[in-house]
Amino acid sequence: MAWWERAARQATAAGLPPVLFYRLDRDEWRAVWPVSALRAIPDAQAWSGYGLVVEGSIQAWAAVARESTAALEPVGAL
């Protein structure tokens, strides 16, 4: 999917994890993000192809983003 490849490339250039939000006509907003967001993977770029993405609700993406960020924080950090 060209739209995912472009989003992943732009996020990588900005030093950010890729996520793409979209909405079909009169439908709920959806998020697409790489499965590597669920784990600390050293070479996350290799896991950014469209075949290795997760699609879910905005709430699901927010939960994963929150937990992924918390996993990167040092123990005891506030």
Protein backbone atom coordinates (compact mmCIF):
# COMPACT_ATOMS: atom_id res chain seq x y z
CA MET A 1 0.00 0.00 0.00
CA ALA A 2 1.58 3.23 -1.17
CA TRP A 3 -0.24 5.34 1.44
CA TRP A 4 1.25 3.30 4.29
CA GLU A 5 4.74 3.33 2.77
CA ARG A 6 4.59 7.12 2.47
CA ALA A 7 3.37 7.54 6.06
CA ALA A 8 6.10 5.20 7.37
CA ARG A 9 8.80 6.97 5.35
CA GLN A 10 7.72 10.42 6.56
CA ALA A 11 7.56 9.30 10.20
CA THR A 12 10.99 7.68 9.98
CA ALA A 13 12.48 10.86 8.48
CA ALA A 14 11.03 12.81 11.43
CA GLY A 15 12.34 10.27 13.94
CA LEU A 16 8.83 9.27 14.98
CA PRO A 17 6.99 5.95 14.99
CA PRO A 18 4.59 5.66 12.04
CA VAL A 19 0.85 5.83 12.56
CA LEU A 20 -1.80 6.70 10.02
CA PHE A 21 -5.30 7.88 10.89
CA TYR A 22 -8.11 7.68 8.37
CA ARG A 23 -11.86 7.71 8.10
CA LEU A 24 -14.08 6.39 5.34
CA ASP A 25 -17.23 8.36 4.50
CA ARG A 26 -19.47 8.61 7.57
CA ASP A 27 -17.49 5.97 9.41
CA GLU A 28 -15.45 5.94 12.61
CA TRP A 29 -11.83 7.09 12.62
CA ARG A 30 -9.31 4.24 12.40
CA ALA A 31 -5.58 4.01 13.07
CA VAL A 32 -2.91 1.91 11.36
CA TRP A 33 0.42 1.32 13.11
CA PRO A 34 3.27 -1.20 12.87
CA VAL A 35 3.11 -4.32 14.99
CA SER A 36 6.61 -3.38 16.20
CA ALA A 37 4.94 -0.73 18.39
CA LEU A 38 3.82 -3.58 20.62
CA ARG A 39 7.39 -4.63 21.40
CA ALA A 40 10.81 -3.07 21.79
CA ILE A 41 12.36 -4.22 18.52
CA PRO A 42 15.88 -2.98 17.74
CA ASP A 43 15.32 -2.82 13.96
CA ALA A 44 11.73 -1.55 13.95
CA GLN A 45 12.16 -0.20 10.40
CA ALA A 46 12.34 -3.78 9.10
CA TRP A 47 8.92 -4.35 10.69
CA SER A 48 7.22 -1.34 9.09
CA GLY A 49 5.92 -2.97 5.90
CA TYR A 50 2.16 -3.04 5.33
CA GLY A 51 2.06 -6.79 5.93
CA LEU A 52 3.13 -6.16 9.54
CA VAL A 53 0.64 -3.49 10.60
CA VAL A 54 -2.26 -3.43 13.01
CA GLU A 55 -5.49 -1.60 12.27
CA GLY A 56 -7.76 -0.56 15.10
CA SER A 57 -9.76 2.14 16.76
CA ILE A 58 -8.24 5.41 17.91
CA GLN A 59 -8.74 4.19 21.49
CA ALA A 60 -6.77 0.99 20.75
CA TRP A 61 -3.91 2.98 19.23
CA ALA A 62 -3.86 5.36 22.20
CA ALA A 63 -3.65 2.43 24.64
CA VAL A 64 -0.76 0.86 22.70
CA ALA A 65 1.04 4.22 22.42
CA ARG A 66 0.61 4.86 26.14
CA GLU A 67 1.88 1.39 27.12
CA SER A 68 4.76 1.53 24.63
CA THR A 69 5.86 4.89 25.98
CA ALA A 70 5.59 3.68 29.58
CA ALA A 71 7.72 0.62 28.73
CA LEU A 72 10.52 2.91 27.50
CA GLU A 73 10.60 5.03 30.67
CA PRO A 74 13.14 4.16 33.37
CA VAL A 75 11.74 2.34 36.40
CA GLY A 76 10.62 4.85 39.01
CA ALA A 77 10.26 7.73 36.52
CA LEU A 78 7.22 9.92 36.88
